[in-house]
Amino acid sequence: MAISAQDVKKLRDMTGSGMMDCKKALAEADGDFDKAIEVLRKRGEKVAAKRDDREAKEGVVIAQVTEASDYGVVVRLSSETDFVAKNDDFVAFAQKIADLALEKRPADLDALNALPMEGQLTVGEKVTEMVGKINEKISVTAYEQLSAPLVAPYIHSGYRAGVLVALNKNDDTAYEAGRDVAMQVAAMKPIAVNKSGIDQATIDQELDIAMDLARQEGKPEAMLEKIGQGRLNKFFKENTLEAQAFVKSDKQSVAQYLDSVDKGLKVTDFKHVALG
């Protein structure tokens, strides 16, 4: 059957796929739009299957919070190449997914991919459709969320990382401090808020490494435990957010900085998602 230019444009507007792809899909589906969308989606599935062994280490990370700043999400949409990641349509697509996540608050990544996004298609199906459009492996590879009296977001330059920081108080001063701490997380990559957030297995491993290094340095056996504990404390200082030197004023720890902003202001949690 003859496929009109108007129908091709309509399908393109619905799916974002290329004009020729839309024309071929409509021809294969005998002009049925629902079937044509399915044709495009199956094309994306074939492309995705062919590119399954490719690594998708580029992409964009979106971090954002509600108007009340009491809930936030971080979403990472991954791609194979930086060229795709810098495409405006790709960034806009990632933003749409993040907007949906912020609105619907899915429990996990699987639930996010299962959310209806546009028309009859889910997020996962729209991603597959995008794969067929750009002929490159893409996928939603990370999703985090936080609720707190205040959640402050930060997106690192070029959408390469996204951070959420949860604080125990909510006001304008706390929000600006939270933004500063979110930038700290992106720059210094702490593994926990404080040492109580580090699992015992990691602590034991770090202590063993510290003691073994001291032993190799020829330190007396009787001193190994004390030296190991000292190095473990240094590990906590470098790798826990509250104890880290504040990047904007390294004479203070992050905990001291927050307390100077507002007595008793504390970080209760954070989420950090980066590319790679």
Protein backbone atom coordinates (compact mmCIF):
# COMPACT_ATOMS: atom_id res chain seq x y z
CA MET A 1 0.00 0.00 0.00
CA ALA A 2 1.05 3.60 -0.53
CA ILE A 3 2.45 5.27 2.58
CA SER A 4 1.81 9.01 2.77
CA ALA A 5 4.41 11.52 3.89
CA GLN A 6 1.91 12.66 6.54
CA ASP A 7 1.77 9.17 8.04
CA VAL A 8 5.57 8.90 8.02
CA LYS A 9 5.84 12.23 9.83
CA LYS A 10 3.22 11.14 12.37
CA LEU A 11 5.14 7.96 13.19
CA ARG A 12 8.39 9.92 13.38
CA ASP A 13 6.78 12.34 15.85
CA MET A 14 5.53 9.38 17.90
CA THR A 15 8.80 7.48 18.00
CA GLY A 16 11.67 9.81 17.13
CA SER A 17 12.92 7.27 14.58
CA GLY A 18 14.35 8.29 11.20
CA MET A 19 12.05 9.06 8.26
CA MET A 20 13.19 6.09 6.16
CA ASP A 21 12.90 3.72 9.14
CA CYS A 22 9.37 4.97 9.76
CA LYS A 23 8.42 4.57 6.10
CA LYS A 24 9.76 1.00 6.00
CA ALA A 25 8.01 0.11 9.28
CA LEU A 26 4.67 1.45 8.04
CA ALA A 27 5.06 -0.42 4.77
CA GLU A 28 5.82 -3.66 6.62
CA ALA A 29 2.84 -3.06 8.93
CA ASP A 30 0.45 -2.20 6.07
CA GLY A 31 -0.10 1.27 7.49
CA ASP A 32 -1.01 0.07 11.02
CA PHE A 33 0.68 2.44 13.49
CA ASP A 34 0.69 0.05 16.44
CA LYS A 35 2.26 -2.66 14.30
CA ALA A 36 4.74 -0.17 12.85
CA ILE A 37 5.88 0.77 16.37
CA GLU A 38 6.34 -2.93 17.10
CA VAL A 39 8.43 -3.28 13.93
CA LEU A 40 10.67 -0.42 15.05
CA ARG A 41 10.98 -1.90 18.53
CA LYS A 42 11.93 -5.32 17.14
CA ARG A 43 14.58 -3.65 15.01
CA GLY A 44 15.98 -2.13 18.19
CA GLU A 45 15.95 -5.54 19.88
CA LYS A 46 17.95 -7.03 16.98
CA VAL A 47 20.48 -4.20 17.14
CA ALA A 48 20.74 -4.58 20.93
CA ALA A 49 21.31 -8.34 20.61
CA LYS A 50 24.05 -7.78 18.02
CA ARG A 51 25.79 -5.25 20.26
CA ASP A 52 25.36 -7.07 23.57
CA ASP A 53 29.09 -7.69 23.93
CA ARG A 54 29.90 -3.99 23.54
CA GLU A 55 30.72 -1.93 26.64
CA ALA A 56 28.52 1.09 27.29
CA LYS A 57 30.75 3.29 29.45
CA GLU A 58 29.70 6.69 28.13
CA GLY A 59 26.33 8.37 28.56
CA VAL A 60 24.72 10.93 30.85
CA VAL A 61 23.82 11.04 34.53
CA ILE A 62 20.87 13.14 35.69
CA ALA A 63 20.33 14.05 39.37
CA GLN A 64 17.27 16.06 40.38
CA VAL A 65 14.92 16.65 43.31
CA THR A 66 11.31 17.61 43.91
CA GLU A 67 10.24 21.24 44.31
CA ALA A 68 10.09 20.69 48.08
CA SER A 69 13.64 19.22 47.97
CA ASP A 70 12.55 16.29 50.13
CA TYR A 71 13.05 13.54 47.52
CA GLY A 72 15.51 13.03 44.69
CA VAL A 73 16.61 10.58 42.01
CA VAL A 74 19.76 9.85 40.02
CA VAL A 75 19.47 8.10 36.65
CA ARG A 76 22.33 6.96 34.39
CA LEU A 77 21.58 6.36 30.71
CA SER A 78 24.62 4.64 29.20
CA SER A 79 25.89 4.62 25.63
CA GLU A 80 28.89 3.19 23.80
CA THR A 81 30.33 6.46 22.57
CA ASP A 82 30.84 10.00 23.76
CA PHE A 83 29.48 11.18 20.39
CA VAL A 84 26.03 9.77 21.20
CA ALA A 85 26.19 10.94 24.83
CA LYS A 86 26.66 14.56 23.71
CA ASN A 87 23.70 14.45 21.33
CA ASP A 88 20.90 16.79 22.48
CA ASP A 89 18.21 14.20 21.75
CA PHE A 90 20.03 11.62 23.89
CA VAL A 91 20.37 14.05 26.81
CA ALA A 92 16.69 15.04 26.46
CA PHE A 93 15.71 11.36 26.48
CA ALA A 94 17.69 10.78 29.69
CA GLN A 95 15.99 13.83 31.21
CA LYS A 96 12.55 12.43 30.35
CA ILE A 97 13.40 9.18 32.12
CA ALA A 98 14.64 11.08 35.17
CA ASP A 99 11.48 13.24 35.19
CA LEU A 100 9.35 10.09 35.11
CA ALA A 101 11.38 8.51 37.91
CA LEU A 102 10.98 11.62 40.05
CA GLU A 103 7.22 11.64 39.47
CA LYS A 104 6.49 7.91 39.86
CA ARG A 105 9.20 6.95 42.40
CA PRO A 106 9.75 3.36 41.21
CA ALA A 107 11.27 1.00 43.79
CA ASP A 108 14.27 -0.09 41.71
CA LEU A 109 15.83 -0.19 38.24
CA ASP A 110 13.56 -3.00 37.01
CA ALA A 111 10.49 -1.06 38.15
CA LEU A 112 11.78 2.07 36.38
CA ASN A 113 12.25 0.18 33.10
CA ALA A 114 8.70 -1.20 33.43
CA LEU A 115 7.06 2.24 33.83
CA PRO A 116 4.76 3.36 30.98
CA MET A 117 6.51 6.26 29.26
CA GLU A 118 4.80 7.30 26.05
CA GLY A 119 1.74 5.74 24.50
CA GLN A 120 1.80 1.98 24.99
CA LEU A 121 5.57 1.72 25.47
CA THR A 122 7.49 1.31 28.71
CA VAL A 123 10.82 2.98 29.53
CA GLY A 124 12.61 -0.25 28.58
CA GLU A 125 10.80 -0.42 25.26
CA LYS A 126 11.53 3.23 24.50
CA VAL A 127 15.21 2.53 25.19
CA THR A 128 15.06 -0.40 22.76
CA GLU A 129 13.41 1.88 20.22
CA MET A 130 16.26 4.36 20.68
CA VAL A 131 18.79 1.56 20.11
CA GLY A 132 17.21 0.89 16.72
CA LYS A 133 17.29 4.59 15.92
CA ILE A 134 20.96 5.25 16.70
CA ASN A 135 22.36 1.75 16.02
CA GLU A 136 24.32 1.72 19.28
CA LYS A 137 23.93 -0.13 22.56
CA ILE A 138 22.22 2.06 25.17
CA SER A 139 20.51 1.19 28.46
CA VAL A 140 19.45 2.60 31.80
CA THR A 141 22.26 1.22 33.95
CA ALA A 142 21.76 2.93 37.32
CA TYR A 143 18.91 4.35 39.35
CA GLU A 144 19.12 5.68 42.93
CA GLN A 145 16.68 7.58 45.10
CA LEU A 146 16.73 9.40 48.44
CA SER A 147 14.12 10.80 50.81
CA ALA A 148 15.01 13.17 53.68
CA PRO A 149 13.98 16.50 55.22
CA LEU A 150 16.30 17.96 52.55
CA VAL A 151 17.88 16.37 49.48
CA ALA A 152 20.43 18.45 47.54
CA PRO A 153 21.42 17.48 43.95
CA TYR A 154 24.55 18.06 41.91
CA ILE A 155 25.37 17.14 38.30
CA HIS A 156 29.07 17.12 37.49
CA SER A 157 30.35 18.84 34.32
CA GLY A 158 29.07 17.27 31.11
CA TYR A 159 26.59 14.99 32.92
CA ARG A 160 29.45 12.64 33.87
CA ALA A 161 28.30 12.15 37.46
CA GLY A 162 25.26 12.84 39.61
CA VAL A 163 25.04 13.16 43.39
CA LEU A 164 22.24 13.38 45.95
CA VAL A 165 22.99 14.40 49.54
CA ALA A 166 20.41 13.92 52.31
CA LEU A 167 20.44 16.35 55.26
CA ASN A 168 18.54 16.35 58.53
CA LYS A 169 17.25 19.96 58.20
CA ASN A 170 15.48 21.85 55.42
CA ASP A 171 16.05 25.56 54.85
CA ASP A 172 17.83 27.79 52.31
CA THR A 173 21.10 27.74 54.23
CA ALA A 174 21.03 23.95 54.51
CA TYR A 175 20.28 23.60 50.79
CA GLU A 176 23.33 25.63 49.75
CA ALA A 177 25.49 23.67 52.21
CA GLY A 178 24.06 20.45 50.79
CA ARG A 179 25.04 21.53 47.28
CA ASP A 180 28.59 22.17 48.50
CA VAL A 181 28.73 18.72 50.10
CA ALA A 182 27.28 17.11 46.95
CA MET A 183 30.18 18.65 44.97
CA GLN A 184 32.53 17.26 47.62
CA VAL A 185 31.12 13.77 47.03
CA ALA A 186 31.65 14.08 43.26
CA ALA A 187 35.23 15.27 43.73
CA MET A 188 36.43 13.11 46.63
CA LYS A 189 34.30 9.97 46.17
CA PRO A 190 33.74 8.92 49.80
CA ILE A 191 32.49 5.38 50.38
CA ALA A 192 30.30 6.12 53.42
CA VAL A 193 28.95 9.00 55.52
CA ASN A 194 31.11 7.92 58.49
CA LYS A 195 32.98 4.84 59.65
CA SER A 196 29.81 3.23 61.00
CA GLY A 197 28.66 2.95 57.39
CA ILE A 198 31.64 0.82 56.34
CA ASP A 199 31.10 -2.93 56.58
CA GLN A 200 33.27 -4.93 58.97
CA ALA A 201 34.79 -7.02 56.17
CA THR A 202 36.23 -3.87 54.56
CA ILE A 203 37.56 -2.63 57.91
CA ASP A 204 39.21 -6.00 58.63
CA GLN A 205 40.75 -6.06 55.15
CA GLU A 206 42.15 -2.52 55.48
CA LEU A 207 43.61 -3.34 58.92
CA ASP A 208 45.23 -6.51 57.57
CA ILE A 209 46.76 -4.59 54.65
CA ALA A 210 48.04 -1.84 56.97
CA MET A 211 49.63 -4.35 59.37
CA ASP A 212 51.16 -6.34 56.52
CA LEU A 213 52.73 -3.19 55.05
CA ALA A 214 54.18 -2.31 58.47
CA ARG A 215 55.57 -5.83 58.74
CA GLN A 216 57.20 -5.51 55.31
CA GLU A 217 58.71 -2.20 56.43
CA GLY A 218 60.43 -4.06 59.27
CA LYS A 219 58.37 -2.63 62.11
CA PRO A 220 58.45 -4.63 65.41
CA GLU A 221 55.70 -7.27 65.68
CA ALA A 222 54.53 -5.78 68.98
CA MET A 223 53.87 -2.44 67.23
CA LEU A 224 51.94 -3.78 64.24
CA GLU A 225 48.47 -3.50 65.79
CA LYS A 226 49.02 0.12 66.88
CA ILE A 227 50.51 1.10 63.50
CA GLY A 228 47.66 -0.69 61.71
CA GLN A 229 45.04 1.16 63.75
CA GLY A 230 46.72 4.47 62.95
CA ARG A 231 46.64 3.74 59.23
CA LEU A 232 43.05 2.54 59.52
CA ASN A 233 42.09 5.89 61.06
CA LYS A 234 43.77 7.62 58.12
CA PHE A 235 41.67 5.42 55.79
CA PHE A 236 38.50 6.56 57.59
CA LYS A 237 39.57 10.21 57.33
CA GLU A 238 40.19 9.97 53.60
CA ASN A 239 37.19 7.81 52.68
CA THR A 240 34.27 8.84 54.91
CA LEU A 241 32.38 12.01 54.03
CA GLU A 242 32.07 13.56 57.50
CA ALA A 243 35.80 13.15 58.22
CA GLN A 244 37.12 14.33 54.84
CA ALA A 245 38.75 17.74 54.62
CA PHE A 246 36.17 20.11 53.13
CA VAL A 247 37.35 20.96 49.60
CA LYS A 248 36.33 24.63 49.85
CA SER A 249 38.16 25.11 53.16
CA ASP A 250 40.52 22.28 54.04
CA LYS A 251 41.06 23.56 57.57
CA GLN A 252 37.63 22.07 58.36
CA SER A 253 36.21 18.60 57.99
CA VAL A 254 32.87 18.28 56.20
CA ALA A 255 31.18 17.62 59.56
CA GLN A 256 32.73 20.79 61.04
CA TYR A 257 31.70 22.82 57.99
CA LEU A 258 28.06 21.73 58.28
CA ASP A 259 28.01 22.43 62.01
CA SER A 260 29.39 25.93 61.34
CA VAL A 261 26.57 26.57 58.86
CA ASP A 262 23.84 25.42 61.24
CA LYS A 263 24.46 23.79 64.61
CA GLY A 264 23.49 20.13 64.39
CA LEU A 265 23.24 20.07 60.58
CA LYS A 266 24.31 16.62 59.40
CA VAL A 267 24.45 14.43 56.30
CA THR A 268 22.31 11.32 56.79
CA ASP A 269 23.00 9.63 53.44
CA PHE A 270 24.26 10.23 49.92
CA LYS A 271 24.11 8.61 46.47
CA HIS A 272 26.87 8.98 43.86
CA VAL A 273 26.48 7.68 40.31
CA ALA A 274 29.21 8.21 37.71
CA LEU A 275 29.94 7.07 34.16
CA GLY A 276 32.21 4.09 33.57
